[in-house]
Each structure stands twice: as structure tokens, then as C-alpha cells.
Amino acid sequence: MIGKVIDMNISEAFVALQDNRTIQIGLAHLPSNCTIGSTVNINPTLCNMKNDNDNHILKGELS
């Protein structure tokens, strides 16, 4: 799936996907020359999903 890197730190990146989800992915799974603003093609099943639209997350409830 195609996405755009929106934030990075020393070990991981946050990528906004075309379907409006944001995923967290380790830098080891991205090209070495990847920077904020880069467009990447990734496998979303390898990543932790961070979806701010989920009501249970906003309410602080755990499943």
C-alpha cells in the first residue's frame, strides 16, 4: 500500500496511508534514504495501526 512518511524518530516512522489510516513502522522496513515527506510502498500487515478515528481509543478503553 502506498503511503507518505509524516513523522520519524531514531527507530520508527509514522506513515499516512491512502485509506486515511496512520501506521507505525520500524525504519528497518523502509528504504535507507527515506525522510519525512517520502512516498513509500509498504505491507500494512507488518505494522502497528494507529487510528485516531477509533472511539474506544479516544475514550481510553482497552479491548
Protein backbone atom coordinates (compact mmCIF):
# COMPACT_ATOMS: atom_id res chain seq x y z
CA MET A 1 0.00 0.00 0.00
CA ILE A 2 1.24 3.49 -0.84
CA GLY A 3 1.75 5.99 1.98
CA LYS A 4 3.60 9.15 2.90
CA VAL A 5 6.02 9.47 5.83
CA ILE A 6 4.63 12.14 8.16
CA ASP A 7 6.99 11.80 11.15
CA MET A 8 10.15 9.92 12.09
CA ASN A 9 12.37 9.31 15.08
CA ILE A 10 15.54 7.31 15.60
CA SER A 11 13.83 3.90 15.34
CA GLU A 12 10.44 4.24 13.63
CA ALA A 13 8.30 6.24 11.24
CA PHE A 14 4.63 7.16 11.05
CA VAL A 15 3.13 6.74 7.60
CA ALA A 16 -0.23 8.11 6.40
CA LEU A 17 -1.84 5.59 4.06
CA GLN A 18 -4.20 6.27 1.16
CA ASP A 19 -7.17 4.93 3.18
CA ASN A 20 -6.65 7.60 5.90
CA ARG A 21 -5.04 5.21 8.39
CA THR A 22 -1.75 6.05 10.06
CA ILE A 23 0.71 3.24 10.71
CA GLN A 24 3.84 2.99 12.80
CA ILE A 25 6.67 1.08 11.15
CA GLY A 26 10.27 0.34 12.10
CA LEU A 27 12.88 2.11 9.99
CA ALA A 28 14.38 -1.28 9.12
CA HIS A 29 11.29 -1.87 6.94
CA LEU A 30 11.78 1.35 4.95
CA PRO A 31 14.40 2.35 2.37
CA SER A 32 17.56 3.76 3.95
CA ASN A 33 17.15 7.11 2.16
CA CYS A 34 13.59 7.62 3.47
CA THR A 35 12.82 11.05 5.01
CA ILE A 36 9.72 12.93 6.17
CA GLY A 37 7.60 13.55 3.08
CA SER A 38 8.85 10.44 1.23
CA THR A 39 6.29 8.28 -0.56
CA VAL A 40 6.71 4.60 0.29
CA ASN A 41 5.12 1.30 -0.68
CA ILE A 42 4.71 -0.92 2.38
CA ASN A 43 2.90 -4.03 3.56
CA PRO A 44 0.45 -2.79 6.26
CA THR A 45 0.23 -6.21 7.92
CA LEU A 46 3.80 -5.69 9.22
CA CYS A 47 2.87 -2.55 11.18
CA ASN A 48 1.07 -1.36 14.28
CA MET A 49 -2.06 0.54 13.32
CA LYS A 50 -2.64 3.91 14.97
CA ASN A 51 -6.15 5.03 14.00
CA ASP A 52 -7.24 8.25 15.71
CA ASN A 53 -10.79 7.71 14.42
CA ASP A 54 -11.48 4.75 16.73
CA ASN A 55 -13.83 5.86 19.53
CA HIS A 56 -12.57 3.28 22.04
CA ILE A 57 -9.05 4.69 21.71
CA LEU A 58 -10.26 8.25 22.23
CA LYS A 59 -12.20 7.20 25.33
CA GLY A 60 -9.19 5.36 26.77
CA GLU A 61 -10.91 1.97 26.70
CA LEU A 62 -8.95 -1.19 26.03
CA SER A 63 -10.29 -4.14 24.10
